[in-house]
PDB file of N, CA and C in Angstrom:
ATOM      1  N   MET A   1       4.069  14.128  -2.199  1.00  0.00           N
ATOM      2  CA  MET A   1       2.826  14.378  -1.517  1.00  0.00           C
ATOM      3  C   MET A   1       2.164  12.997  -1.160  1.00  0.00           C
ATOM      4  N   GLY A   2       2.281  12.101  -2.088  1.00  0.00           N
ATOM      5  CA  GLY A   2       1.905  10.617  -1.583  1.00  0.00           C
ATOM      6  C   GLY A   2       2.607  10.322  -0.533  1.00  0.00           C
ATOM      7  N   SER A   3       3.761  10.387  -0.313  1.00  0.00           N
ATOM      8  CA  SER A   3       4.421   9.940   0.647  1.00  0.00           C
ATOM      9  C   SER A   3       4.011  10.508   2.096  1.00  0.00           C
ATOM     10  N   THR A   4       4.022  11.832   2.049  1.00  0.00           N
ATOM     11  CA  THR A   4       3.673  12.668   3.351  1.00  0.00           C
ATOM     12  C   THR A   4       2.186  12.203   3.791  1.00  0.00           C
ATOM     13  N   LEU A   5       1.197  12.095   2.805  1.00  0.00           N
ATOM     14  CA  LEU A   5      -0.084  11.688   3.134  1.00  0.00           C
ATOM     15  C   LEU A   5      -0.056  10.196   3.837  1.00  0.00           C
ATOM     16  N   THR A   6       0.527   9.388   3.235  1.00  0.00           N
ATOM     17  CA  THR A   6       0.665   8.050   3.648  1.00  0.00           C
ATOM     18  C   THR A   6       1.348   7.931   4.901  1.00  0.00           C
ATOM     19  N   GLN A   7       2.264   8.636   5.146  1.00  0.00           N
ATOM     20  CA  GLN A   7       3.037   8.673   6.294  1.00  0.00           C
ATOM     21  C   GLN A   7       2.278   9.187   7.466  1.00  0.00           C
ATOM     22  N   PHE A   8       1.343  10.194   7.249  1.00  0.00           N
ATOM     23  CA  PHE A   8       0.572  10.924   8.271  1.00  0.00           C
ATOM     24  C   PHE A   8      -0.263   9.560   8.675  1.00  0.00           C
ATOM     25  N   ALA A   9      -1.060   8.929   7.703  1.00  0.00           N
ATOM     26  CA  ALA A   9      -2.222   7.905   7.974  1.00  0.00           C
ATOM     27  C   ALA A   9      -1.220   6.629   8.758  1.00  0.00           C
ATOM     28  N   LEU A  10      -0.057   6.398   8.492  1.00  0.00           N
ATOM     29  CA  LEU A  10       0.631   5.360   9.196  1.00  0.00           C
ATOM     30  C   LEU A  10       1.079   5.946  10.708  1.00  0.00           C
ATOM     31  N   ASP A  11       1.403   7.178  10.922  1.00  0.00           N
ATOM     32  CA  ASP A  11       1.470   7.389  12.163  1.00  0.00           C
ATOM     33  C   ASP A  11       0.136   7.445  12.985  1.00  0.00           C
ATOM     34  N   TRP A  12      -1.047   7.975  12.282  1.00  0.00           N
ATOM     35  CA  TRP A  12      -2.316   8.015  13.022  1.00  0.00           C
ATOM     36  C   TRP A  12      -2.406   6.660  13.472  1.00  0.00           C
ATOM     37  N   MET A  13      -2.042   5.661  12.618  1.00  0.00           N
ATOM     38  CA  MET A  13      -2.728   4.006  12.808  1.00  0.00           C
ATOM     39  C   MET A  13      -1.844   3.606  13.961  1.00  0.00           C
ATOM     40  N   LYS A  14      -0.439   4.032  13.810  1.00  0.00           N
ATOM     41  CA  LYS A  14       0.364   3.549  15.058  1.00  0.00           C
ATOM     42  C   LYS A  14      -0.081   4.267  16.155  1.00  0.00           C
ATOM     43  N   GLY A  15      -0.538   5.360  16.287  1.00  0.00           N
ATOM     44  CA  GLY A  15      -1.152   6.155  17.523  1.00  0.00           C
ATOM     45  C   GLY A  15      -2.312   5.333  18.100  1.00  0.00           C
ATOM     46  N   ALA A  16      -3.318   4.801  16.981  1.00  0.00           N
ATOM     47  CA  ALA A  16      -4.320   4.111  17.608  1.00  0.00           C
ATOM     48  C   ALA A  16      -4.086   2.714  18.110  1.00  0.00           C
ATOM     49  N   ARG A  17      -2.747   2.190  17.858  1.00  0.00           N
ATOM     50  CA  ARG A  17      -2.394   1.038  18.463  1.00  0.00           C
ATOM     51  C   ARG A  17      -2.794  -0.165  17.345  1.00  0.00           C
ATOM     52  N   MET A  18      -2.578   0.272  16.161  1.00  0.00           N
ATOM     53  CA  MET A  18      -2.872  -0.719  15.119  1.00  0.00           C
ATOM     54  C   MET A  18      -1.551  -1.414  15.044  1.00  0.00           C
ATOM     55  N   SER A  19      -1.394  -2.599  14.442  1.00  0.00           N
ATOM     56  CA  SER A  19      -0.192  -3.174  14.258  1.00  0.00           C
ATOM     57  C   SER A  19       0.205  -3.527  12.820  1.00  0.00           C
ATOM     58  N   ILE A  20      -0.646  -3.562  11.871  1.00  0.00           N
ATOM     59  CA  ILE A  20      -0.622  -3.974  10.738  1.00  0.00           C
ATOM     60  C   ILE A  20      -1.309  -2.612   9.636  1.00  0.00           C
ATOM     61  N   ALA A  21      -0.834  -2.506   8.498  1.00  0.00           N
ATOM     62  CA  ALA A  21      -1.286  -1.619   7.659  1.00  0.00           C
ATOM     63  C   ALA A  21      -0.910  -2.087   6.369  1.00  0.00           C
ATOM     64  N   MET A  22      -2.211  -2.449   5.357  1.00  0.00           N
ATOM     65  CA  MET A  22      -2.167  -2.909   4.120  1.00  0.00           C
ATOM     66  C   MET A  22      -2.645  -1.948   2.916  1.00  0.00           C
ATOM     67  N   VAL A  23      -1.844  -1.856   1.912  1.00  0.00           N
ATOM     68  CA  VAL A  23      -2.426  -0.988   0.790  1.00  0.00           C
ATOM     69  C   VAL A  23      -2.319  -1.876  -0.365  1.00  0.00           C
ATOM     70  N   GLU A  24      -3.342  -1.563  -1.370  1.00  0.00           N
ATOM     71  CA  GLU A  24      -3.347  -2.352  -2.657  1.00  0.00           C
ATOM     72  C   GLU A  24      -3.308  -1.364  -3.680  1.00  0.00           C
ATOM     73  N   THR A  25      -2.572  -1.761  -4.834  1.00  0.00           N
ATOM     74  CA  THR A  25      -2.535  -0.952  -6.021  1.00  0.00           C
ATOM     75  C   THR A  25      -2.537  -1.751  -7.288  1.00  0.00           C
ATOM     76  N   GLY A  26      -2.515  -1.514  -8.302  1.00  0.00           N
ATOM     77  CA  GLY A  26      -2.345  -2.237  -9.508  1.00  0.00           C
ATOM     78  C   GLY A  26      -0.963  -2.638  -9.859  1.00  0.00           C
ATOM     79  N   GLY A  27      -0.668  -3.621 -10.600  1.00  0.00           N
ATOM     80  CA  GLY A  27       0.649  -4.108 -11.104  1.00  0.00           C
ATOM     81  C   GLY A  27       1.265  -3.395 -12.438  1.00  0.00           C
ATOM     82  N   ASP A  28       0.301  -2.706 -13.130  1.00  0.00           N
ATOM     83  CA  ASP A  28       0.331  -2.014 -14.370  1.00  0.00           C
ATOM     84  C   ASP A  28       1.402  -0.905 -14.296  1.00  0.00           C
ATOM     85  N   PRO A  29       1.904  -0.453 -15.311  1.00  0.00           N
ATOM     86  CA  PRO A  29       3.018   0.597 -15.163  1.00  0.00           C
ATOM     87  C   PRO A  29       2.438   2.057 -14.667  1.00  0.00           C
ATOM     88  N   GLY A  30       1.087   1.972 -15.046  1.00  0.00           N
ATOM     89  CA  GLY A  30       0.400   3.411 -14.429  1.00  0.00           C
ATOM     90  C   GLY A  30       0.387   3.394 -12.868  1.00  0.00           C
ATOM     91  N   HIS A  31       0.685   2.192 -12.430  1.00  0.00           N
ATOM     92  CA  HIS A  31       0.534   2.350 -10.857  1.00  0.00           C
ATOM     93  C   HIS A  31       1.917   2.331 -10.191  1.00  0.00           C
ATOM     94  N   ALA A  32       3.198   2.233 -10.879  1.00  0.00           N
ATOM     95  CA  ALA A  32       4.436   2.132 -10.517  1.00  0.00           C
ATOM     96  C   ALA A  32       4.928   3.099  -9.449  1.00  0.00           C
ATOM     97  N   PRO A  33       4.296   4.519  -9.767  1.00  0.00           N
ATOM     98  CA  PRO A  33       4.725   5.563  -8.729  1.00  0.00           C
ATOM     99  C   PRO A  33       4.166   5.203  -7.361  1.00  0.00           C
ATOM    100  N   ALA A  34       2.928   4.885  -7.278  1.00  0.00           N
ATOM    101  CA  ALA A  34       2.341   4.133  -6.112  1.00  0.00           C
ATOM    102  C   ALA A  34       3.282   3.094  -5.364  1.00  0.00           C
ATOM    103  N   ARG A  35       3.390   2.098  -6.345  1.00  0.00           N
ATOM    104  CA  ARG A  35       4.173   1.006  -5.756  1.00  0.00           C
ATOM    105  C   ARG A  35       5.830   1.648  -5.129  1.00  0.00           C
ATOM    106  N   ARG A  36       6.292   2.624  -5.902  1.00  0.00           N
ATOM    107  CA  ARG A  36       7.700   3.028  -5.297  1.00  0.00           C
ATOM    108  C   ARG A  36       7.261   3.740  -4.162  1.00  0.00           C
ATOM    109  N   THR A  37       6.293   4.508  -3.870  1.00  0.00           N
ATOM    110  CA  THR A  37       5.878   5.171  -2.508  1.00  0.00           C
ATOM    111  C   THR A  37       5.910   4.134  -1.366  1.00  0.00           C
ATOM    112  N   TYR A  38       4.956   3.228  -1.662  1.00  0.00           N
ATOM    113  CA  TYR A  38       4.709   2.231  -0.472  1.00  0.00           C
ATOM    114  C   TYR A  38       6.087   1.611  -0.180  1.00  0.00           C
ATOM    115  N   GLU A  39       6.974   1.211  -1.058  1.00  0.00           N
ATOM    116  CA  GLU A  39       8.293   0.479  -0.880  1.00  0.00           C
ATOM    117  C   GLU A  39       9.017   1.336  -0.195  1.00  0.00           C
ATOM    118  N   LYS A  40       9.202   2.791  -0.313  1.00  0.00           N
ATOM    119  CA  LYS A  40       9.938   3.577   0.041  1.00  0.00           C
ATOM    120  C   LYS A  40       9.756   3.748   1.488  1.00  0.00           C
ATOM    121  N   LEU A  41       8.320   3.523   1.772  1.00  0.00           N
ATOM    122  CA  LEU A  41       7.796   3.732   3.222  1.00  0.00           C
ATOM    123  C   LEU A  41       8.141   2.670   4.190  1.00  0.00           C
ATOM    124  N   GLY A  42       8.567   1.346   3.384  1.00  0.00           N
ATOM    125  CA  GLY A  42       8.676   0.212   4.050  1.00  0.00           C
ATOM    126  C   GLY A  42       7.608  -0.998   3.914  1.00  0.00           C
ATOM    127  N   PHE A  43       6.774  -0.856   3.019  1.00  0.00           N
ATOM    128  CA  PHE A  43       5.813  -1.692   2.647  1.00  0.00           C
ATOM    129  C   PHE A  43       6.631  -2.772   2.005  1.00  0.00           C
ATOM    130  N   ARG A  44       6.379  -4.092   1.971  1.00  0.00           N
ATOM    131  CA  ARG A  44       6.756  -5.095   1.087  1.00  0.00           C
ATOM    132  C   ARG A  44       5.760  -5.941   0.465  1.00  0.00           C
ATOM    133  N   LEU A  45       6.018  -6.248  -0.728  1.00  0.00           N
ATOM    134  CA  LEU A  45       4.999  -6.892  -1.626  1.00  0.00           C
ATOM    135  C   LEU A  45       4.726  -8.487  -0.909  1.00  0.00           C
ATOM    136  N   LEU A  46       3.518  -8.750  -0.809  1.00  0.00           N
ATOM    137  CA  LEU A  46       3.000 -10.228  -0.595  1.00  0.00           C
ATOM    138  C   LEU A  46       2.505 -10.852  -1.580  1.00  0.00           C
ATOM    139  N   PRO A  47       3.175 -11.872  -2.235  1.00  0.00           N
ATOM    140  CA  PRO A  47       2.622 -12.329  -3.529  1.00  0.00           C
ATOM    141  C   PRO A  47       1.358 -13.222  -3.117  1.00  0.00           C
ATOM    142  N   ILE A  48       0.141 -12.819  -3.708  1.00  0.00           N
ATOM    143  CA  ILE A  48      -1.195 -13.137  -3.478  1.00  0.00           C
ATOM    144  C   ILE A  48      -1.792 -13.669  -4.802  1.00  0.00           C
ATOM    145  N   ALA A  49      -2.410 -14.445  -4.879  1.00  0.00           N
ATOM    146  CA  ALA A  49      -3.163 -14.739  -6.190  1.00  0.00           C
ATOM    147  C   ALA A  49      -4.672 -14.596  -5.917  1.00  0.00           C
ATOM    148  N   GLN A  50      -5.027 -13.436  -6.691  1.00  0.00           N
ATOM    149  CA  GLN A  50      -6.529 -13.400  -6.668  1.00  0.00           C
ATOM    150  C   GLN A  50      -7.279 -13.648  -7.824  1.00  0.00           C
ATOM    151  N   TYR A  51      -8.249 -14.397  -8.057  1.00  0.00           N
ATOM    152  CA  TYR A  51      -8.878 -15.030  -9.070  1.00  0.00           C
ATOM    153  C   TYR A  51     -10.257 -14.299  -9.064  1.00  0.00           C
ATOM    154  N   PHE A  52     -10.726 -13.820 -10.444  1.00  0.00           N
ATOM    155  CA  PHE A  52     -11.888 -13.305 -10.663  1.00  0.00           C
ATOM    156  C   PHE A  52     -12.238 -13.866 -12.135  1.00  0.00           C
ATOM    157  N   LYS A  53     -13.894 -14.214 -12.019  1.00  0.00           N
ATOM    158  CA  LYS A  53     -14.370 -14.628 -13.215  1.00  0.00           C
ATOM    159  C   LYS A  53     -15.575 -13.692 -13.626  1.00  0.00           C
ATOM    160  N   LYS A  54     -15.750 -13.046 -14.654  1.00  0.00           N
ATOM    161  CA  LYS A  54     -16.953 -12.389 -15.153  1.00  0.00           C
ATOM    162  C   LYS A  54     -17.798 -13.484 -15.587  1.00  0.00           C
ATOM    163  N   LEU A  55     -19.207 -13.392 -14.838  1.00  0.00           N
ATOM    164  CA  LEU A  55     -20.363 -14.180 -15.225  1.00  0.00           C
ATOM    165  C   LEU A  55     -21.297 -13.475 -16.291  1.00  0.00           C
TER     166      LEU A  55
END
């Protein structure tokens, strides 16, 4: 189901002449199914460092 919904969104975006799609998910084991779905649909991981500090 995740693949179908994501592909629907990608098709809509392409039809709207958008050129880039970005998704975000966690890197923990619980988000592995989402990462597999995105990779299966052609998304590639871009290594980015995000820093946060609790004040």
